[in-house]
N, C-alpha and C. Protein backbone atom coordinates (compact mmCIF):
# COMPACT_ATOMS: atom_id res chain seq x y z
N MET A 1 12.74 -65.85 16.38
CA MET A 1 11.56 -66.23 17.09
C MET A 1 10.41 -66.39 16.09
N THR A 2 9.73 -67.51 16.17
CA THR A 2 8.63 -67.81 15.27
C THR A 2 7.31 -67.52 15.97
N ALA A 3 6.44 -66.79 15.30
CA ALA A 3 5.14 -66.48 15.89
C ALA A 3 4.22 -67.67 15.74
N ARG A 4 3.37 -67.88 16.74
CA ARG A 4 2.38 -68.96 16.66
C ARG A 4 1.21 -68.48 15.81
N VAL A 5 0.76 -69.36 14.89
CA VAL A 5 -0.38 -69.05 14.04
C VAL A 5 -1.46 -70.06 14.34
N ALA A 6 -2.68 -69.60 14.58
CA ALA A 6 -3.79 -70.50 14.88
C ALA A 6 -4.00 -71.48 13.74
N GLY A 7 -4.19 -72.76 14.07
CA GLY A 7 -4.46 -73.78 13.06
C GLY A 7 -3.22 -74.51 12.59
N LEU A 8 -2.00 -74.02 12.90
CA LEU A 8 -0.78 -74.71 12.50
C LEU A 8 -0.29 -75.56 13.66
N ARG A 9 0.24 -76.74 13.33
CA ARG A 9 0.80 -77.61 14.36
C ARG A 9 2.05 -76.99 14.95
N GLU A 10 2.36 -77.39 16.15
CA GLU A 10 3.56 -76.92 16.84
C GLU A 10 4.79 -77.26 16.00
N GLY A 11 5.66 -76.35 15.79
CA GLY A 11 6.88 -76.56 15.03
C GLY A 11 6.75 -76.23 13.55
N THR A 12 5.53 -75.96 13.06
CA THR A 12 5.33 -75.62 11.66
C THR A 12 5.69 -74.16 11.45
N VAL A 13 6.46 -73.90 10.43
CA VAL A 13 6.89 -72.54 10.16
C VAL A 13 6.01 -71.97 9.05
N ARG A 14 5.51 -70.79 9.26
CA ARG A 14 4.69 -70.11 8.24
C ARG A 14 5.62 -69.32 7.33
N MET A 15 5.55 -69.60 6.03
CA MET A 15 6.41 -68.93 5.07
C MET A 15 5.71 -67.67 4.56
N ARG A 16 6.47 -66.64 4.36
CA ARG A 16 5.92 -65.42 3.78
C ARG A 16 5.92 -65.56 2.26
N THR A 17 4.85 -65.19 1.63
CA THR A 17 4.74 -65.28 0.17
C THR A 17 4.43 -63.89 -0.38
N ALA A 18 4.75 -63.71 -1.65
CA ALA A 18 4.44 -62.44 -2.30
C ALA A 18 2.94 -62.33 -2.50
N PRO A 19 2.38 -61.16 -2.36
CA PRO A 19 0.94 -61.01 -2.56
C PRO A 19 0.57 -61.28 -4.03
N ALA A 20 -0.61 -61.83 -4.24
CA ALA A 20 -1.09 -62.11 -5.59
C ALA A 20 -1.37 -60.81 -6.32
N ARG A 21 -1.09 -60.82 -7.62
CA ARG A 21 -1.40 -59.64 -8.43
C ARG A 21 -2.87 -59.68 -8.82
N SER A 22 -3.51 -58.55 -8.86
CA SER A 22 -4.93 -58.51 -9.18
C SER A 22 -5.19 -58.36 -10.68
N VAL A 23 -4.15 -58.09 -11.45
CA VAL A 23 -4.33 -57.87 -12.89
C VAL A 23 -3.34 -58.74 -13.66
N ALA A 24 -3.84 -59.43 -14.69
CA ALA A 24 -2.95 -60.22 -15.53
C ALA A 24 -2.09 -59.29 -16.37
N THR A 25 -0.83 -59.65 -16.52
CA THR A 25 0.07 -58.79 -17.30
C THR A 25 0.41 -59.38 -18.67
N THR A 26 -0.05 -60.61 -18.94
CA THR A 26 0.19 -61.22 -20.24
C THR A 26 -0.78 -60.65 -21.26
N PRO A 27 -0.28 -60.16 -22.41
CA PRO A 27 -1.20 -59.60 -23.40
C PRO A 27 -2.12 -60.67 -23.98
N VAL A 28 -3.34 -60.30 -24.26
CA VAL A 28 -4.33 -61.21 -24.81
C VAL A 28 -4.10 -61.35 -26.31
N THR A 29 -4.13 -62.60 -26.80
CA THR A 29 -3.99 -62.87 -28.22
C THR A 29 -5.34 -62.66 -28.90
N SER A 30 -5.35 -61.97 -30.01
CA SER A 30 -6.59 -61.71 -30.73
C SER A 30 -6.91 -62.88 -31.65
N PHE A 31 -8.12 -63.43 -31.51
CA PHE A 31 -8.57 -64.52 -32.37
C PHE A 31 -9.87 -64.13 -33.06
N GLY A 32 -9.83 -63.10 -33.83
CA GLY A 32 -11.03 -62.63 -34.51
C GLY A 32 -11.02 -63.00 -35.97
N PRO A 33 -12.00 -62.51 -36.72
CA PRO A 33 -12.03 -62.77 -38.16
C PRO A 33 -10.75 -62.29 -38.83
N GLY A 34 -10.33 -63.01 -39.85
CA GLY A 34 -9.15 -62.62 -40.58
C GLY A 34 -7.88 -63.27 -40.07
N ARG A 35 -7.99 -64.04 -38.98
CA ARG A 35 -6.79 -64.73 -38.50
C ARG A 35 -6.39 -65.78 -39.51
N PRO A 36 -5.16 -66.18 -39.53
CA PRO A 36 -4.74 -67.20 -40.50
C PRO A 36 -5.46 -68.52 -40.25
N GLU A 37 -5.82 -69.19 -41.33
CA GLU A 37 -6.46 -70.50 -41.23
C GLU A 37 -5.43 -71.54 -40.80
N PRO A 38 -5.85 -72.59 -40.12
CA PRO A 38 -4.90 -73.64 -39.75
C PRO A 38 -4.25 -74.25 -40.99
N ALA A 39 -2.99 -74.61 -40.86
CA ALA A 39 -2.28 -75.23 -41.98
C ALA A 39 -2.80 -76.65 -42.18
N GLY A 40 -2.73 -77.11 -43.40
CA GLY A 40 -3.08 -78.50 -43.69
C GLY A 40 -4.55 -78.83 -43.66
N LEU A 41 -5.39 -77.98 -44.22
CA LEU A 41 -6.82 -78.28 -44.26
C LEU A 41 -7.14 -79.15 -45.47
N PRO A 42 -8.05 -80.07 -45.37
CA PRO A 42 -8.78 -80.40 -44.15
C PRO A 42 -7.86 -81.07 -43.14
N HIS A 43 -8.24 -80.91 -41.88
CA HIS A 43 -7.44 -81.44 -40.77
C HIS A 43 -8.24 -82.52 -40.05
N ALA A 44 -7.64 -83.69 -39.88
CA ALA A 44 -8.30 -84.80 -39.20
C ALA A 44 -7.84 -84.87 -37.75
N ASP A 45 -8.74 -85.33 -36.89
CA ASP A 45 -8.45 -85.49 -35.47
C ASP A 45 -9.18 -86.74 -34.97
N ALA A 46 -8.82 -87.21 -33.79
CA ALA A 46 -9.47 -88.38 -33.21
C ALA A 46 -9.37 -88.32 -31.70
N SER A 47 -10.29 -89.00 -31.03
CA SER A 47 -10.25 -89.04 -29.58
C SER A 47 -9.08 -89.88 -29.09
N TYR A 48 -8.60 -90.81 -29.91
CA TYR A 48 -7.53 -91.71 -29.51
C TYR A 48 -6.93 -92.34 -30.76
N SER A 49 -5.63 -92.51 -30.76
CA SER A 49 -4.95 -93.28 -31.81
C SER A 49 -4.14 -94.36 -31.12
N GLY A 50 -4.24 -95.58 -31.63
CA GLY A 50 -3.61 -96.71 -30.98
C GLY A 50 -2.09 -96.74 -31.07
N ARG A 51 -1.55 -96.23 -32.16
CA ARG A 51 -0.10 -96.27 -32.37
C ARG A 51 0.33 -95.03 -33.14
N PRO A 52 1.62 -94.72 -33.11
CA PRO A 52 2.11 -93.53 -33.83
C PRO A 52 1.96 -93.64 -35.35
N ASP A 53 1.80 -94.83 -35.90
CA ASP A 53 1.65 -94.97 -37.36
C ASP A 53 0.19 -95.10 -37.79
N THR A 54 -0.76 -94.83 -36.88
CA THR A 54 -2.18 -94.87 -37.23
C THR A 54 -2.87 -93.57 -36.83
N LEU A 55 -2.28 -92.47 -37.21
CA LEU A 55 -2.81 -91.15 -36.85
C LEU A 55 -3.98 -90.75 -37.74
N PRO A 56 -4.84 -89.84 -37.30
CA PRO A 56 -6.04 -89.46 -38.05
C PRO A 56 -5.78 -88.96 -39.47
N ALA A 57 -4.68 -88.26 -39.70
CA ALA A 57 -4.39 -87.73 -41.04
C ALA A 57 -4.33 -88.83 -42.08
N ALA A 58 -4.00 -90.05 -41.68
CA ALA A 58 -3.90 -91.17 -42.62
C ALA A 58 -5.24 -91.54 -43.25
N MET A 59 -6.36 -91.12 -42.65
CA MET A 59 -7.68 -91.37 -43.25
C MET A 59 -7.88 -90.55 -44.51
N LEU A 60 -7.18 -89.42 -44.60
CA LEU A 60 -7.40 -88.46 -45.67
C LEU A 60 -6.35 -88.50 -46.77
N ASP A 61 -5.33 -89.35 -46.63
CA ASP A 61 -4.22 -89.31 -47.59
C ASP A 61 -4.49 -90.07 -48.89
N GLY A 62 -5.61 -90.77 -49.00
CA GLY A 62 -5.96 -91.48 -50.23
C GLY A 62 -5.26 -92.81 -50.42
N ASP A 63 -4.40 -93.20 -49.49
CA ASP A 63 -3.66 -94.46 -49.59
C ASP A 63 -4.36 -95.51 -48.74
N PRO A 64 -4.95 -96.56 -49.35
CA PRO A 64 -5.65 -97.57 -48.56
C PRO A 64 -4.73 -98.40 -47.65
N ALA A 65 -3.43 -98.33 -47.88
CA ALA A 65 -2.50 -99.07 -47.03
C ALA A 65 -2.29 -98.37 -45.68
N THR A 66 -2.68 -97.10 -45.59
CA THR A 66 -2.56 -96.36 -44.34
C THR A 66 -3.95 -96.11 -43.79
N GLY A 67 -4.04 -95.69 -42.55
CA GLY A 67 -5.33 -95.39 -41.97
C GLY A 67 -5.22 -95.07 -40.49
N TRP A 68 -6.31 -94.55 -39.94
CA TRP A 68 -6.41 -94.30 -38.50
C TRP A 68 -6.91 -95.57 -37.84
N SER A 69 -6.44 -95.85 -36.65
CA SER A 69 -6.93 -96.99 -35.88
C SER A 69 -6.84 -96.70 -34.40
N ASN A 70 -7.79 -97.25 -33.65
CA ASN A 70 -7.72 -97.16 -32.20
C ASN A 70 -7.22 -98.47 -31.59
N ALA A 71 -6.71 -99.37 -32.42
CA ALA A 71 -6.16 -100.64 -31.91
C ALA A 71 -4.87 -100.38 -31.16
N PHE A 72 -4.71 -101.08 -30.07
CA PHE A 72 -3.47 -100.97 -29.32
C PHE A 72 -3.19 -102.30 -28.64
N ALA A 73 -1.95 -102.54 -28.37
CA ALA A 73 -1.54 -103.75 -27.66
C ALA A 73 -0.49 -103.34 -26.64
N LYS A 74 -0.68 -103.76 -25.42
CA LYS A 74 0.26 -103.46 -24.35
C LYS A 74 0.90 -104.78 -23.94
N ALA A 75 2.20 -104.86 -24.12
CA ALA A 75 2.93 -106.07 -23.73
C ALA A 75 2.91 -106.21 -22.21
N ALA A 76 3.04 -107.43 -21.76
CA ALA A 76 3.07 -107.70 -20.33
C ALA A 76 4.31 -107.06 -19.70
N THR A 77 4.15 -106.61 -18.48
CA THR A 77 5.27 -106.09 -17.70
C THR A 77 5.40 -106.95 -16.45
N ALA A 78 6.34 -106.64 -15.59
CA ALA A 78 6.51 -107.39 -14.35
C ALA A 78 5.28 -107.29 -13.46
N LEU A 79 4.53 -106.19 -13.58
CA LEU A 79 3.37 -105.97 -12.72
C LEU A 79 2.03 -106.13 -13.42
N LEU A 80 1.99 -105.95 -14.74
CA LEU A 80 0.71 -105.95 -15.46
C LEU A 80 0.69 -107.00 -16.56
N PRO A 81 -0.45 -107.63 -16.78
CA PRO A 81 -0.55 -108.60 -17.87
C PRO A 81 -0.66 -107.90 -19.23
N ALA A 82 -0.45 -108.64 -20.29
CA ALA A 82 -0.63 -108.10 -21.64
C ALA A 82 -2.09 -107.71 -21.82
N PHE A 83 -2.34 -106.69 -22.65
CA PHE A 83 -3.71 -106.25 -22.89
C PHE A 83 -3.85 -105.74 -24.31
N SER A 84 -4.95 -106.10 -24.97
CA SER A 84 -5.21 -105.60 -26.32
C SER A 84 -6.71 -105.49 -26.58
N GLY A 85 -7.50 -105.22 -25.56
CA GLY A 85 -8.94 -105.10 -25.74
C GLY A 85 -9.35 -103.83 -26.44
N ALA A 86 -10.45 -103.91 -27.17
CA ALA A 86 -10.95 -102.76 -27.94
C ALA A 86 -11.59 -101.72 -27.02
N ARG A 87 -11.39 -100.48 -27.37
CA ARG A 87 -12.05 -99.40 -26.65
C ARG A 87 -13.54 -99.42 -27.00
N ALA A 88 -14.37 -99.05 -26.05
CA ALA A 88 -15.82 -99.10 -26.26
C ALA A 88 -16.30 -98.10 -27.31
N ALA A 89 -15.72 -96.91 -27.31
CA ALA A 89 -16.16 -95.87 -28.25
C ALA A 89 -15.04 -94.86 -28.47
N ASP A 90 -15.00 -94.31 -29.65
CA ASP A 90 -14.07 -93.25 -30.01
C ASP A 90 -14.73 -92.38 -31.07
N TRP A 91 -14.09 -91.27 -31.41
CA TRP A 91 -14.59 -90.41 -32.48
C TRP A 91 -13.43 -90.00 -33.37
N VAL A 92 -13.77 -89.70 -34.61
CA VAL A 92 -12.85 -89.08 -35.56
C VAL A 92 -13.55 -87.86 -36.12
N SER A 93 -12.77 -86.84 -36.48
CA SER A 93 -13.38 -85.63 -37.02
C SER A 93 -12.53 -85.06 -38.14
N VAL A 94 -13.18 -84.24 -38.96
CA VAL A 94 -12.49 -83.52 -40.03
C VAL A 94 -12.91 -82.06 -39.94
N ASP A 95 -11.91 -81.18 -39.92
CA ASP A 95 -12.13 -79.73 -39.90
C ASP A 95 -11.79 -79.20 -41.29
N PHE A 96 -12.75 -78.56 -41.94
CA PHE A 96 -12.55 -78.03 -43.29
C PHE A 96 -12.03 -76.60 -43.28
N GLY A 97 -12.08 -75.93 -42.13
CA GLY A 97 -11.62 -74.56 -42.05
C GLY A 97 -12.68 -73.54 -42.38
N ARG A 98 -13.67 -73.91 -43.15
CA ARG A 98 -14.78 -73.02 -43.54
C ARG A 98 -16.07 -73.84 -43.57
N SER A 99 -17.17 -73.17 -43.40
CA SER A 99 -18.46 -73.84 -43.48
C SER A 99 -18.74 -74.29 -44.90
N ARG A 100 -19.39 -75.42 -45.00
CA ARG A 100 -19.79 -75.95 -46.30
C ARG A 100 -21.01 -76.83 -46.11
N ASP A 101 -21.72 -77.11 -47.20
CA ASP A 101 -22.90 -77.97 -47.14
C ASP A 101 -22.44 -79.41 -47.09
N LEU A 102 -23.05 -80.18 -46.18
CA LEU A 102 -22.71 -81.59 -45.98
C LEU A 102 -23.99 -82.41 -46.01
N ASP A 103 -23.95 -83.56 -46.68
CA ASP A 103 -25.11 -84.46 -46.67
C ASP A 103 -24.72 -85.92 -46.84
N ARG A 104 -23.41 -86.20 -46.80
CA ARG A 104 -22.97 -87.56 -47.06
C ARG A 104 -21.53 -87.73 -46.59
N VAL A 105 -21.23 -88.92 -46.10
CA VAL A 105 -19.86 -89.29 -45.76
C VAL A 105 -19.66 -90.74 -46.18
N ALA A 106 -18.52 -91.02 -46.81
CA ALA A 106 -18.16 -92.39 -47.17
C ALA A 106 -16.93 -92.76 -46.35
N VAL A 107 -17.06 -93.81 -45.58
CA VAL A 107 -15.98 -94.21 -44.68
C VAL A 107 -15.67 -95.68 -44.91
N SER A 108 -14.39 -95.97 -45.13
CA SER A 108 -13.96 -97.35 -45.42
C SER A 108 -13.35 -97.95 -44.16
N PHE A 109 -14.05 -98.95 -43.59
CA PHE A 109 -13.59 -99.64 -42.39
C PHE A 109 -12.83 -100.90 -42.77
N THR A 110 -11.73 -101.15 -42.08
CA THR A 110 -10.96 -102.37 -42.27
C THR A 110 -11.54 -103.45 -41.37
N VAL A 111 -11.71 -104.66 -41.92
CA VAL A 111 -12.15 -105.81 -41.14
C VAL A 111 -11.08 -106.88 -41.29
N ASP A 112 -10.44 -107.22 -40.16
CA ASP A 112 -9.42 -108.27 -40.14
C ASP A 112 -9.37 -108.85 -38.73
N SER A 113 -8.30 -109.54 -38.38
CA SER A 113 -8.24 -110.21 -37.06
C SER A 113 -8.19 -109.22 -35.89
N THR A 114 -7.80 -107.99 -36.14
CA THR A 114 -7.70 -106.98 -35.08
C THR A 114 -8.84 -105.98 -35.12
N HIS A 115 -9.40 -105.74 -36.31
CA HIS A 115 -10.38 -104.68 -36.52
C HIS A 115 -11.74 -105.24 -36.96
N ALA A 116 -12.80 -104.59 -36.50
CA ALA A 116 -14.16 -104.96 -36.89
C ALA A 116 -14.91 -103.69 -37.31
N ARG A 117 -15.93 -103.89 -38.11
CA ARG A 117 -16.82 -102.77 -38.44
C ARG A 117 -17.48 -102.31 -37.14
N PRO A 118 -17.62 -101.02 -36.92
CA PRO A 118 -18.25 -100.58 -35.67
C PRO A 118 -19.72 -100.98 -35.62
N ALA A 119 -20.25 -101.11 -34.43
CA ALA A 119 -21.67 -101.41 -34.25
C ALA A 119 -22.51 -100.22 -34.67
N GLU A 120 -21.95 -99.02 -34.48
CA GLU A 120 -22.66 -97.80 -34.84
C GLU A 120 -21.66 -96.72 -35.25
N ALA A 121 -22.06 -95.92 -36.23
CA ALA A 121 -21.29 -94.75 -36.65
C ALA A 121 -22.27 -93.59 -36.74
N ALA A 122 -22.27 -92.74 -35.73
CA ALA A 122 -23.18 -91.60 -35.68
C ALA A 122 -22.47 -90.35 -36.18
N VAL A 123 -23.16 -89.55 -36.99
CA VAL A 123 -22.57 -88.35 -37.59
C VAL A 123 -23.03 -87.12 -36.82
N GLU A 124 -22.07 -86.23 -36.56
CA GLU A 124 -22.35 -84.94 -35.92
C GLU A 124 -21.67 -83.85 -36.72
N VAL A 125 -22.24 -82.66 -36.68
CA VAL A 125 -21.65 -81.52 -37.40
C VAL A 125 -21.47 -80.36 -36.42
N TRP A 126 -20.42 -79.59 -36.64
CA TRP A 126 -20.12 -78.42 -35.81
C TRP A 126 -21.01 -77.27 -36.26
N ASP A 127 -21.78 -76.71 -35.33
CA ASP A 127 -22.69 -75.60 -35.68
C ASP A 127 -22.10 -74.24 -35.33
N GLY A 128 -20.82 -74.20 -34.98
CA GLY A 128 -20.17 -72.96 -34.59
C GLY A 128 -19.96 -72.86 -33.09
N ARG A 129 -20.70 -73.68 -32.33
CA ARG A 129 -20.57 -73.69 -30.87
C ARG A 129 -20.36 -75.09 -30.32
N ALA A 130 -20.94 -76.09 -30.99
CA ALA A 130 -20.88 -77.46 -30.47
C ALA A 130 -21.17 -78.44 -31.61
N TYR A 131 -20.82 -79.70 -31.40
CA TYR A 131 -21.20 -80.74 -32.34
C TYR A 131 -22.64 -81.14 -32.05
N VAL A 132 -23.45 -81.21 -33.10
CA VAL A 132 -24.85 -81.62 -32.96
C VAL A 132 -25.11 -82.78 -33.93
N PRO A 133 -25.95 -83.73 -33.52
CA PRO A 133 -26.26 -84.87 -34.39
C PRO A 133 -26.97 -84.41 -35.67
N VAL A 134 -26.67 -85.05 -36.78
CA VAL A 134 -27.39 -84.77 -38.02
C VAL A 134 -28.75 -85.45 -37.95
N THR A 135 -29.66 -85.02 -38.81
CA THR A 135 -30.98 -85.64 -38.85
C THR A 135 -31.10 -86.45 -40.14
N GLY A 136 -32.01 -87.41 -40.12
CA GLY A 136 -32.28 -88.21 -41.31
C GLY A 136 -31.15 -89.14 -41.73
N ALA A 137 -30.30 -89.53 -40.79
CA ALA A 137 -29.15 -90.38 -41.14
C ALA A 137 -29.59 -91.78 -41.57
N ARG A 138 -28.96 -92.25 -42.65
CA ARG A 138 -29.21 -93.60 -43.18
C ARG A 138 -27.86 -94.18 -43.56
N THR A 139 -27.56 -95.38 -43.04
CA THR A 139 -26.26 -96.01 -43.26
C THR A 139 -26.39 -97.21 -44.19
N ASP A 140 -25.60 -97.21 -45.25
CA ASP A 140 -25.51 -98.34 -46.18
C ASP A 140 -24.15 -99.00 -45.91
N TRP A 141 -24.15 -100.03 -45.05
CA TRP A 141 -22.91 -100.68 -44.62
C TRP A 141 -22.27 -101.45 -45.76
N ALA A 142 -20.97 -101.31 -45.88
CA ALA A 142 -20.19 -102.06 -46.88
C ALA A 142 -20.17 -103.53 -46.48
N THR A 143 -20.03 -104.40 -47.47
CA THR A 143 -20.00 -105.84 -47.21
C THR A 143 -18.59 -106.41 -47.30
N ALA A 144 -17.60 -105.58 -47.61
CA ALA A 144 -16.21 -106.05 -47.73
C ALA A 144 -15.29 -105.10 -46.97
N SER A 145 -14.16 -105.61 -46.53
CA SER A 145 -13.17 -104.81 -45.84
C SER A 145 -12.67 -103.69 -46.75
N ASP A 146 -12.55 -102.50 -46.19
CA ASP A 146 -12.04 -101.31 -46.86
C ASP A 146 -12.89 -100.83 -48.04
N ALA A 147 -14.09 -101.35 -48.17
CA ALA A 147 -15.06 -100.81 -49.15
C ALA A 147 -15.83 -99.70 -48.43
N PRO A 148 -16.30 -98.69 -49.16
CA PRO A 148 -16.95 -97.56 -48.49
C PRO A 148 -18.33 -97.89 -47.93
N THR A 149 -18.50 -97.55 -46.66
CA THR A 149 -19.81 -97.51 -46.01
C THR A 149 -20.30 -96.08 -46.22
N VAL A 150 -21.50 -95.91 -46.76
CA VAL A 150 -21.99 -94.57 -47.07
C VAL A 150 -23.09 -94.19 -46.09
N ILE A 151 -22.89 -93.05 -45.45
CA ILE A 151 -23.89 -92.51 -44.53
C ILE A 151 -24.43 -91.23 -45.15
N THR A 152 -25.72 -91.22 -45.44
CA THR A 152 -26.36 -90.01 -45.98
C THR A 152 -27.23 -89.41 -44.88
N PHE A 153 -27.45 -88.11 -44.97
CA PHE A 153 -28.25 -87.42 -43.96
C PHE A 153 -28.80 -86.14 -44.57
N ASP A 154 -29.73 -85.51 -43.86
CA ASP A 154 -30.32 -84.25 -44.32
C ASP A 154 -29.20 -83.21 -44.45
N ARG A 155 -29.28 -82.43 -45.53
CA ARG A 155 -28.25 -81.41 -45.79
C ARG A 155 -28.13 -80.47 -44.60
N VAL A 156 -26.87 -80.23 -44.23
CA VAL A 156 -26.58 -79.35 -43.11
C VAL A 156 -25.34 -78.53 -43.45
N ARG A 157 -25.19 -77.39 -42.83
CA ARG A 157 -24.02 -76.54 -43.09
C ARG A 157 -23.15 -76.54 -41.84
N GLY A 158 -21.84 -76.75 -42.04
CA GLY A 158 -20.91 -76.74 -40.92
C GLY A 158 -19.48 -76.76 -41.41
N SER A 159 -18.56 -76.45 -40.50
CA SER A 159 -17.14 -76.42 -40.86
C SER A 159 -16.39 -77.68 -40.41
N ARG A 160 -17.04 -78.48 -39.58
CA ARG A 160 -16.42 -79.72 -39.10
C ARG A 160 -17.45 -80.83 -39.06
N LEU A 161 -16.97 -82.04 -39.27
CA LEU A 161 -17.83 -83.22 -39.20
C LEU A 161 -17.16 -84.23 -38.28
N ARG A 162 -17.95 -84.88 -37.43
CA ARG A 162 -17.41 -85.87 -36.50
C ARG A 162 -18.21 -87.16 -36.60
N LEU A 163 -17.50 -88.28 -36.58
CA LEU A 163 -18.12 -89.61 -36.51
C LEU A 163 -17.89 -90.17 -35.12
N ARG A 164 -18.96 -90.53 -34.44
CA ARG A 164 -18.86 -91.22 -33.14
C ARG A 164 -18.98 -92.71 -33.44
N LEU A 165 -17.93 -93.46 -33.09
CA LEU A 165 -17.84 -94.87 -33.43
C LEU A 165 -17.96 -95.73 -32.17
N THR A 166 -18.89 -96.68 -32.19
CA THR A 166 -19.09 -97.60 -31.08
C THR A 166 -18.59 -98.97 -31.49
N SER A 167 -17.71 -99.54 -30.69
CA SER A 167 -17.13 -100.85 -31.01
C SER A 167 -18.20 -101.94 -31.00
N ALA A 168 -18.11 -102.85 -31.95
CA ALA A 168 -19.01 -104.00 -31.98
C ALA A 168 -18.60 -105.02 -30.93
N TYR A 169 -17.34 -104.98 -30.49
CA TYR A 169 -16.81 -105.94 -29.52
C TYR A 169 -15.96 -105.21 -28.48
N PRO A 170 -16.56 -104.34 -27.66
CA PRO A 170 -15.77 -103.60 -26.69
C PRO A 170 -15.03 -104.54 -25.74
N GLY A 171 -13.76 -104.26 -25.53
CA GLY A 171 -12.94 -105.10 -24.66
C GLY A 171 -12.37 -106.32 -25.35
N GLY A 172 -12.89 -106.66 -26.53
CA GLY A 172 -12.44 -107.84 -27.26
C GLY A 172 -11.18 -107.57 -28.06
N ALA A 173 -10.40 -108.62 -28.30
CA ALA A 173 -9.15 -108.48 -29.04
C ALA A 173 -9.38 -108.10 -30.50
N GLY A 174 -10.52 -108.42 -31.08
CA GLY A 174 -10.78 -108.12 -32.48
C GLY A 174 -11.79 -107.00 -32.70
N GLY A 175 -12.01 -106.15 -31.71
CA GLY A 175 -13.06 -105.13 -31.81
C GLY A 175 -12.58 -103.73 -32.07
N ALA A 176 -11.30 -103.54 -32.37
CA ALA A 176 -10.81 -102.19 -32.65
C ALA A 176 -11.37 -101.70 -33.99
N VAL A 177 -11.33 -100.40 -34.20
CA VAL A 177 -11.83 -99.79 -35.44
C VAL A 177 -10.67 -99.21 -36.21
N ARG A 178 -10.68 -99.41 -37.54
CA ARG A 178 -9.68 -98.82 -38.42
C ARG A 178 -10.39 -98.22 -39.63
N ILE A 179 -10.05 -96.97 -39.96
CA ILE A 179 -10.59 -96.30 -41.14
C ILE A 179 -9.43 -96.09 -42.12
N SER A 180 -9.55 -96.72 -43.28
CA SER A 180 -8.50 -96.57 -44.29
C SER A 180 -8.74 -95.37 -45.18
N ARG A 181 -9.99 -94.94 -45.28
CA ARG A 181 -10.31 -93.79 -46.13
C ARG A 181 -11.60 -93.13 -45.63
N LEU A 182 -11.59 -91.80 -45.66
CA LEU A 182 -12.75 -91.02 -45.27
C LEU A 182 -12.97 -89.94 -46.31
N ASP A 183 -14.12 -89.99 -46.97
CA ASP A 183 -14.48 -89.00 -48.00
C ASP A 183 -15.76 -88.31 -47.60
N ILE A 184 -15.72 -86.98 -47.64
CA ILE A 184 -16.91 -86.21 -47.26
C ILE A 184 -17.28 -85.30 -48.42
């Protein structure tokens, strides 16, 4: 015999469940000073990578033939058309593992049929709690593909640096961003 419960439709069976525990039983992992540093410092990251062979670490390997890119192409399917438009904005970052003084970044952008120099490259630094914009930023844009664009700014101390990149041609086939080299 099934008891009627207010609010349930006729024929709905109420299942008995175990009561919730009031205390977590999983031990807490300690993340205090002295923990091991992440392997592979400096460590590069990005908001998006277009393909498996254009990962952020390729910006730091010193090889101009490799690099990070947010370019992607989606072949047509039975339901969707082909697509290769540029993303409007993305970011790349470098984690040094320890705080250091920063006042300059040299970034080499690739310019070709798929990639364009970004319309803007804003620099932010990790202050221990959040990324904050640097002050006094001045950009000396390179005039050739894969030549360094140098961004200087007021000296700041931080353990991570992030570049916010805005596409010059968002949605366009040639507006993706590629960084072949990043030196900080």
